[in-house]
Structures are given as structure tokens and as C-alpha cells.
Amino acid sequence: MNSINFVVLGEQTIANDFGKKGTTTDLTLYDKKESDVIRTWVVPNGFPEKIQSLIQAINIAEYVIFYVASLDKYVGEQIIALDMLGKNDGIISHSYEVDENRLNSMIKGTVLNNYKKVDSPNIKQELTKFSPISNNGDTQIVIDHCFDVKGVGTVVLGKVLQGTVNQYDKLKHLPSRTEIMIKSIQMHDDDIKQANCPARVGLSLKGIKPDEVGRGDIITSDESLIVKSEIEVNFKQSPFYKGEIAVNQMCLISIGLQIKAAKFSSISPVKLTLEKPIICKKNDICLFIKPESTTVRIIGSGKIN
């Protein structure tokens, strides 16, 4: 079974036409199974109130669908996030009310300049042209939701970032380093024995309690992943963020679906001390955000040294 994951940005209601609505929190998931392909669409319905929802939704997806219904600061924020996270493949479309020349000016010099420009009635047709992207290697599954299911126990929803997961696999939960076992696997409400990257899965876990699991946690056999309380980042400030950064200043950092509070312990080079440990490896993209900012909430980004 092949899997393809999209994020829907801009006018989010278009996702209603793509698939069946599923889990809804600050992220809403839709999916549809056609022949041997399961397509999933994630919508950051917690955005624009929560910048965190936007960043996490983008990090779940391989591809982007960006339908611009109006040009405002939140469109600009989404463009900045997509560019800094390197999401370089997708579709961009807009309503008739949007000034196309102004939109083109906003995306000039960003990854969105390479997106396929599509008239809105043709978006659904274009979705079928995207191919699955698979990463081989040791198993990595990122968790985005966790539930305590009566009679079952700990159930998580997530995405296979790398490799394959099998029923009865014994893996590690990070950051706790607890050993867990995969009791069962579901895809699109069907019980299966195995799932491959980049499948979205529901997993029943043995060996860990629901309150010990959070969004962004990783289930893995990959020894290259490190749990750290201090990181150094090859930081580049966004040209749209006009504030200053300083030693002891607080911010939030995002790596994958993890969002952690951090303090600048050094500016040159940029080093951060984290309130809670984060899972990372060299060259992971780290996004810096300031949710309380009244203008642009993305400070900048960089790769882990």
C-alpha cells in the first residue's frame, strides 16, 4: 500500500472535497483510499491563532497544496514557513479576487516559486500526479496524536518517517528511551501486519502509558537519533523578523513536530538551552518562533551542528 501526505494551506475548507474527515484537534486529518494509494491531507485549523499548528502540519506532509483566497500577513507567514522548512514541491492556486502579480511578488525567491500554478477547479485532478516518497533505513515513526482507548490502552497516530514498522516489533520511544512493543497496526481503519514509509498509521503500544507520550515523540530503532538538552544551530534570521536576539532571551524552537521552549545561551555561535530535551540529529532543520509577536512570528531557522 502506497501513501502520500499533503498539507492544505490558505483556504483550508477545500480539504472537505479531497477525503473523509478524521481526527480533529488543532490539526484536522482527511484521507482517501483509491486502488493501492492512501492519500492524507492535514489541515492546521489551529492556525492562525497558533503558529505551532502551521509548522507541525507542514512537517507532517511531503507535498503542499496552497490555495490563496486573500493576501494578508498570514499568507506571508505561511510562505516564510514553507520556505524555511524547504518544502519545495506542491501546488499553488488562488481565487479570482487575489492579485496574481502581487502574489507572484510575495513568492519570488522562495521555494514556492517552483510550485505548479493550478486553476482551482483542477486541483483535485493534479493531486493524482504526485508520487509517493519513501525513505529507507532504520525505523522512525513520529507521533502526532495519542489516546487512551478503553480495553486497548495506549494508541498513537503518526507517520512512518523512515523504514518499515511490523506488528510485534520492539522499538524505543524517544525522548524517554523506554522500550515498547507494537501490538497492532492500522491504516485507513484496516488492520495490517506491516507499514512502510511514508504511511500514516495507528499503533497500539505495549510498555508505555498515554500520559508518557507527546506530539513529536519518536518510536524508533535508529541509534543515530540523539536526545539533547543543549543544541548549537547554524542560525539565519528571517529578513522579515525585525526584532533582535540576545543572550538569555526565550523563544520556541521546532524540530519536526517537536516544539520546545528554549533560551539563547550564546549568540555567536547560536546555542540554546532547552527546558525539556529534544530529539535531533546533525543537519535537522530547526525553526525559531516567537508566538507572542504581533507581527511575524518566525524568527529564523538553521541546521543543527
Protein backbone atom coordinates (compact mmCIF):
# COMPACT_ATOMS: atom_id res chain seq x y z
CA MET A 1 0.00 0.00 0.00
CA ASN A 2 1.44 3.38 -1.07
CA SER A 3 0.95 6.56 0.97
CA ILE A 4 1.10 10.25 0.06
CA ASN A 5 0.68 13.07 2.60
CA PHE A 6 -0.33 16.65 1.79
CA VAL A 7 -0.69 19.80 3.86
CA VAL A 8 -3.55 22.14 2.90
CA LEU A 9 -2.80 25.82 3.48
CA GLY A 10 -4.52 29.11 2.75
CA GLU A 11 -8.24 28.44 2.33
CA GLN A 12 -8.49 25.26 4.38
CA THR A 13 -12.10 24.32 3.57
CA ILE A 14 -11.06 22.91 0.18
CA ALA A 15 -9.87 19.81 2.08
CA ASN A 16 -13.52 18.81 2.53
CA ASP A 17 -13.58 17.89 -1.17
CA PHE A 18 -10.50 15.69 -1.00
CA GLY A 19 -11.26 12.93 1.50
CA LYS A 20 -13.10 11.72 4.59
CA LYS A 21 -12.69 13.83 7.71
CA GLY A 22 -10.99 12.04 10.58
CA THR A 23 -9.15 13.11 13.72
CA THR A 24 -9.71 16.76 14.66
CA THR A 25 -7.71 18.72 17.22
CA ASP A 26 -5.65 21.77 16.29
CA LEU A 27 -4.80 19.61 13.26
CA THR A 28 -7.53 18.02 11.16
CA LEU A 29 -6.85 14.93 9.07
CA TYR A 30 -8.65 13.78 5.94
CA ASP A 31 -7.90 10.65 3.96
CA LYS A 32 -9.00 8.69 0.91
CA LYS A 33 -8.06 5.26 -0.40
CA GLU A 34 -8.01 4.74 -4.16
CA SER A 35 -6.77 1.43 -5.58
CA ASP A 36 -3.37 0.91 -3.87
CA VAL A 37 -2.83 4.52 -2.72
CA ILE A 38 -3.89 6.18 0.55
CA ARG A 39 -3.77 9.97 0.33
CA THR A 40 -3.90 12.02 3.52
CA TRP A 41 -4.45 15.76 3.90
CA VAL A 42 -3.57 17.60 7.11
CA VAL A 43 -5.10 20.99 7.84
CA PRO A 44 -3.68 23.31 10.56
CA ASN A 45 -7.06 24.52 11.80
CA GLY A 46 -5.34 25.87 14.92
CA PHE A 47 -3.66 28.46 12.66
CA PRO A 48 -3.57 31.47 12.52
CA GLU A 49 -4.18 31.61 16.29
CA LYS A 50 -1.36 29.11 16.87
CA ILE A 51 1.75 29.33 14.70
CA GLN A 52 2.74 25.93 16.17
CA SER A 53 -0.12 24.18 14.33
CA LEU A 54 1.08 25.55 11.00
CA ILE A 55 4.64 24.35 11.48
CA GLN A 56 3.60 20.89 12.66
CA ALA A 57 1.17 20.40 9.76
CA ILE A 58 3.85 21.36 7.23
CA ASN A 59 6.30 18.92 8.82
CA ILE A 60 3.83 16.02 8.54
CA ALA A 61 3.49 16.38 4.76
CA GLU A 62 5.64 15.59 1.74
CA TYR A 63 3.66 17.91 -0.55
CA VAL A 64 1.88 21.27 -0.26
CA ILE A 65 -1.49 22.50 -1.53
CA PHE A 66 -1.66 26.26 -1.07
CA TYR A 67 -4.94 27.92 -2.08
CA VAL A 68 -4.74 31.67 -1.53
CA ALA A 69 -8.12 33.34 -1.05
CA SER A 70 -6.79 36.70 0.19
CA LEU A 71 -3.43 38.37 0.66
CA ASP A 72 -2.74 39.15 4.30
CA LYS A 73 0.04 38.77 6.86
CA TYR A 74 -0.91 35.15 7.48
CA VAL A 75 -0.31 34.27 3.84
CA GLY A 76 3.11 35.86 4.26
CA GLU A 77 3.73 33.81 7.40
CA GLN A 78 2.84 30.59 5.59
CA ILE A 79 5.20 31.47 2.73
CA ILE A 80 8.05 32.12 5.20
CA ALA A 81 7.41 28.81 7.00
CA LEU A 82 7.31 26.78 3.78
CA ASP A 83 10.49 28.42 2.53
CA MET A 84 12.45 27.96 5.75
CA LEU A 85 11.35 24.32 6.07
CA GLY A 86 12.41 23.65 2.48
CA LYS A 87 9.03 22.36 1.28
CA ASN A 88 9.86 22.66 -2.39
CA ASP A 89 7.14 20.60 -4.09
CA GLY A 90 3.49 21.47 -4.30
CA ILE A 91 0.58 23.26 -5.93
CA ILE A 92 -0.30 26.93 -5.62
CA SER A 93 -3.67 28.34 -6.64
CA HIS A 94 -5.69 31.44 -5.86
CA SER A 95 -9.19 32.85 -6.01
CA TYR A 96 -10.25 35.38 -8.62
CA GLU A 97 -10.12 38.15 -6.02
CA VAL A 98 -6.37 37.75 -5.48
CA ASP A 99 -3.96 39.96 -7.41
CA GLU A 100 -1.76 37.42 -9.20
CA ASN A 101 1.09 39.87 -9.75
CA ARG A 102 1.21 40.72 -6.06
CA LEU A 103 1.14 37.03 -5.11
CA ASN A 104 3.98 36.31 -7.56
CA SER A 105 5.96 39.11 -5.96
CA MET A 106 5.41 37.59 -2.50
CA ILE A 107 6.68 34.13 -3.51
CA LYS A 108 9.57 35.36 -5.66
CA GLY A 109 12.87 33.96 -4.45
CA THR A 110 11.18 31.29 -2.25
CA VAL A 111 10.58 27.57 -2.76
CA LEU A 112 7.00 28.40 -3.74
CA ASN A 113 8.25 29.90 -6.98
CA ASN A 114 8.74 26.30 -8.15
CA TYR A 115 5.23 25.14 -7.23
CA LYS A 116 2.90 24.23 -10.07
CA LYS A 117 0.36 27.01 -10.65
CA VAL A 118 -3.08 25.45 -10.98
CA ASP A 119 -6.56 26.89 -11.56
CA SER A 120 -8.71 26.00 -8.54
CA PRO A 121 -11.16 23.68 -10.41
CA ASN A 122 -8.20 21.49 -11.43
CA ILE A 123 -6.59 20.97 -8.01
CA LYS A 124 -8.18 17.55 -7.35
CA GLN A 125 -7.02 16.29 -10.73
CA GLU A 126 -3.45 17.47 -10.08
CA LEU A 127 -3.28 15.61 -6.77
CA THR A 128 -3.17 12.26 -8.59
CA LYS A 129 0.11 13.25 -10.29
CA PHE A 130 2.16 13.27 -7.07
CA SER A 131 4.21 10.14 -6.39
CA PRO A 132 5.00 8.50 -3.03
CA ILE A 133 8.34 9.46 -1.45
CA SER A 134 9.94 6.69 0.58
CA ASN A 135 12.96 6.79 2.91
CA ASN A 136 14.74 3.53 3.65
CA GLY A 137 16.72 2.85 6.80
CA ASP A 138 16.10 2.17 10.45
CA THR A 139 12.50 2.60 11.59
CA GLN A 140 11.38 6.07 12.63
CA ILE A 141 7.75 6.93 13.42
CA VAL A 142 6.75 10.41 14.54
CA ILE A 143 3.68 10.71 16.78
CA ASP A 144 1.10 13.46 16.29
CA HIS A 145 -1.79 12.22 18.47
CA CYS A 146 -2.10 9.86 21.45
CA PHE A 147 -5.22 8.34 23.05
CA ASP A 148 -6.08 6.10 26.00
CA VAL A 149 -8.51 3.62 24.40
CA LYS A 150 -10.65 1.58 26.78
CA GLY A 151 -9.77 -2.11 26.57
CA VAL A 152 -6.79 -1.38 24.31
CA GLY A 153 -4.53 1.02 26.19
CA THR A 154 -2.08 3.40 24.54
CA VAL A 155 -2.92 4.17 20.91
CA VAL A 156 -0.94 6.65 18.83
CA LEU A 157 -1.40 8.18 15.39
CA GLY A 158 1.65 9.11 13.39
CA LYS A 159 3.72 8.85 10.26
CA VAL A 160 6.44 6.39 9.32
CA LEU A 161 9.28 8.83 8.57
CA GLN A 162 11.77 6.15 7.60
CA GLY A 163 11.91 2.40 7.08
CA THR A 164 9.23 -0.14 7.98
CA VAL A 165 7.19 -0.97 11.09
CA ASN A 166 5.93 -4.50 11.75
CA GLN A 167 3.44 -5.90 14.23
CA TYR A 168 5.29 -7.13 17.34
CA ASP A 169 8.39 -5.00 16.62
CA LYS A 170 10.26 -3.97 19.74
CA LEU A 171 11.35 -0.34 19.41
CA LYS A 172 12.39 2.59 21.60
CA HIS A 173 10.27 5.58 22.50
CA LEU A 174 12.18 8.85 22.46
CA PRO A 175 12.87 11.01 24.40
CA SER A 176 12.13 8.60 27.29
CA ARG A 177 14.23 5.73 25.82
CA THR A 178 11.52 3.32 27.04
CA GLU A 179 11.32 0.01 25.16
CA ILE A 180 7.87 -0.56 23.67
CA MET A 181 6.21 -3.21 21.53
CA ILE A 182 3.89 -2.64 18.57
CA LYS A 183 0.78 -4.68 19.46
CA SER A 184 -1.17 -3.81 16.31
CA ILE A 185 -1.11 -1.54 13.25
CA GLN A 186 -3.95 0.12 11.37
CA MET A 187 -4.02 2.06 8.11
CA HIS A 188 -7.26 3.65 6.88
CA ASP A 189 -9.11 1.69 9.62
CA ASP A 190 -7.79 -1.66 8.31
CA ASP A 191 -5.65 -3.99 10.45
CA ILE A 192 -2.31 -4.74 8.79
CA LYS A 193 0.92 -6.51 9.72
CA GLN A 194 3.41 -4.05 8.20
CA ALA A 195 3.59 -0.41 7.10
CA ASN A 196 6.27 1.35 5.06
CA CYS A 197 7.42 4.98 4.89
CA PRO A 198 5.61 7.40 4.47
CA ALA A 199 2.46 5.66 5.71
CA ARG A 200 0.16 7.25 8.27
CA VAL A 201 -0.55 4.63 10.91
CA GLY A 202 -2.45 3.98 14.08
CA LEU A 203 -0.41 1.91 16.52
CA SER A 204 -1.39 0.12 19.70
CA LEU A 205 1.60 0.19 22.05
CA LYS A 206 2.68 -2.02 24.94
CA GLY A 207 5.11 -0.77 27.56
CA ILE A 208 4.19 2.92 27.81
CA LYS A 209 1.28 4.92 29.25
CA PRO A 210 -0.64 7.57 27.27
CA ASP A 211 0.49 10.38 29.60
CA GLU A 212 4.11 9.47 28.82
CA VAL A 213 3.65 10.18 25.09
CA GLY A 214 3.52 13.59 23.37
CA ARG A 215 3.31 15.08 19.90
CA GLY A 216 6.69 14.98 18.19
CA ASP A 217 7.91 11.93 20.13
CA ILE A 218 9.63 9.28 18.03
CA ILE A 219 9.30 5.48 18.04
CA THR A 220 12.47 4.11 16.52
CA SER A 221 15.25 1.57 16.07
CA ASP A 222 17.58 4.33 14.79
CA GLU A 223 20.60 4.80 17.03
CA SER A 224 21.66 7.99 15.17
CA LEU A 225 18.90 9.99 16.89
CA ILE A 226 20.13 11.88 19.95
CA VAL A 227 18.19 13.33 22.89
CA LYS A 228 19.75 16.66 23.85
CA SER A 229 19.12 19.49 26.31
CA GLU A 230 21.54 21.88 24.56
CA ILE A 231 21.94 22.45 20.83
CA GLU A 232 24.05 24.58 18.51
CA VAL A 233 22.41 25.85 15.32
CA ASN A 234 23.75 27.40 12.12
CA PHE A 235 21.17 30.16 12.55
CA LYS A 236 19.94 32.61 9.92
CA GLN A 237 17.46 35.28 10.96
CA SER A 238 14.44 35.89 8.75
CA PRO A 239 14.67 39.23 6.90
CA PHE A 240 11.01 39.77 7.84
CA TYR A 241 11.60 39.50 11.58
CA LYS A 242 12.73 42.92 12.81
CA GLY A 243 13.42 42.08 16.43
CA GLU A 244 16.81 41.42 18.00
CA ILE A 245 18.01 38.20 19.56
CA ALA A 246 20.05 38.29 22.75
CA VAL A 247 21.61 36.03 25.36
CA ASN A 248 19.00 34.74 27.87
CA GLN A 249 16.14 35.63 25.51
CA MET A 250 13.41 32.96 25.36
CA CYS A 251 11.81 31.52 22.24
CA LEU A 252 10.24 28.31 20.97
CA ILE A 253 12.13 26.00 18.65
CA SER A 254 10.65 23.41 16.31
CA ILE A 255 12.37 20.29 15.02
CA GLY A 256 9.92 18.10 13.13
CA LEU A 257 6.73 18.02 15.20
CA GLN A 258 8.55 18.84 18.42
CA ILE A 259 8.12 22.35 19.81
CA LYS A 260 10.15 23.19 22.91
CA ALA A 261 10.82 26.27 24.99
CA ALA A 262 14.45 27.38 24.74
CA LYS A 263 16.81 30.11 25.92
CA PHE A 264 19.66 31.63 23.91
CA SER A 265 22.81 30.77 25.87
CA SER A 266 25.08 32.17 23.12
CA ILE A 267 24.59 34.33 20.03
CA SER A 268 27.85 33.72 18.15
CA PRO A 269 27.59 30.82 17.59
CA VAL A 270 23.89 30.41 18.33
CA LYS A 271 23.43 27.96 21.19
CA LEU A 272 20.25 27.17 23.07
CA THR A 273 19.43 25.58 26.40
CA LEU A 274 16.13 23.69 26.36
CA GLU A 275 13.57 23.43 29.16
CA LYS A 276 12.81 19.85 28.04
CA PRO A 277 15.04 17.56 25.94
CA ILE A 278 14.62 17.38 22.17
CA ILE A 279 15.22 14.56 19.69
CA CYS A 280 17.52 15.51 16.83
CA LYS A 281 20.45 14.64 14.62
CA LYS A 282 23.03 16.67 12.73
CA ASN A 283 21.60 18.83 9.89
CA ASP A 284 17.99 18.66 11.12
CA ILE A 285 16.19 21.93 10.33
CA CYS A 286 15.43 23.95 13.46
CA LEU A 287 12.81 26.72 13.23
CA PHE A 288 12.78 29.57 15.80
CA ILE A 289 9.40 31.08 16.65
CA LYS A 290 8.01 33.77 18.92
CA PRO A 291 4.25 33.15 19.27
CA GLU A 292 3.61 36.39 21.20
CA SER A 293 4.99 38.60 18.39
CA THR A 294 2.35 40.94 16.95
CA THR A 295 3.98 40.90 13.52
CA VAL A 296 5.94 37.98 12.01
CA ARG A 297 6.18 35.11 14.48
CA ILE A 298 9.00 33.22 12.74
CA ILE A 299 12.39 34.48 13.90
CA GLY A 300 14.59 32.38 11.63
CA SER A 301 15.94 28.90 11.04
CA GLY A 302 19.09 26.86 10.76
CA LYS A 303 20.55 23.37 10.75
CA ILE A 304 21.73 21.53 13.85
CA ASN A 305 25.54 21.49 14.07
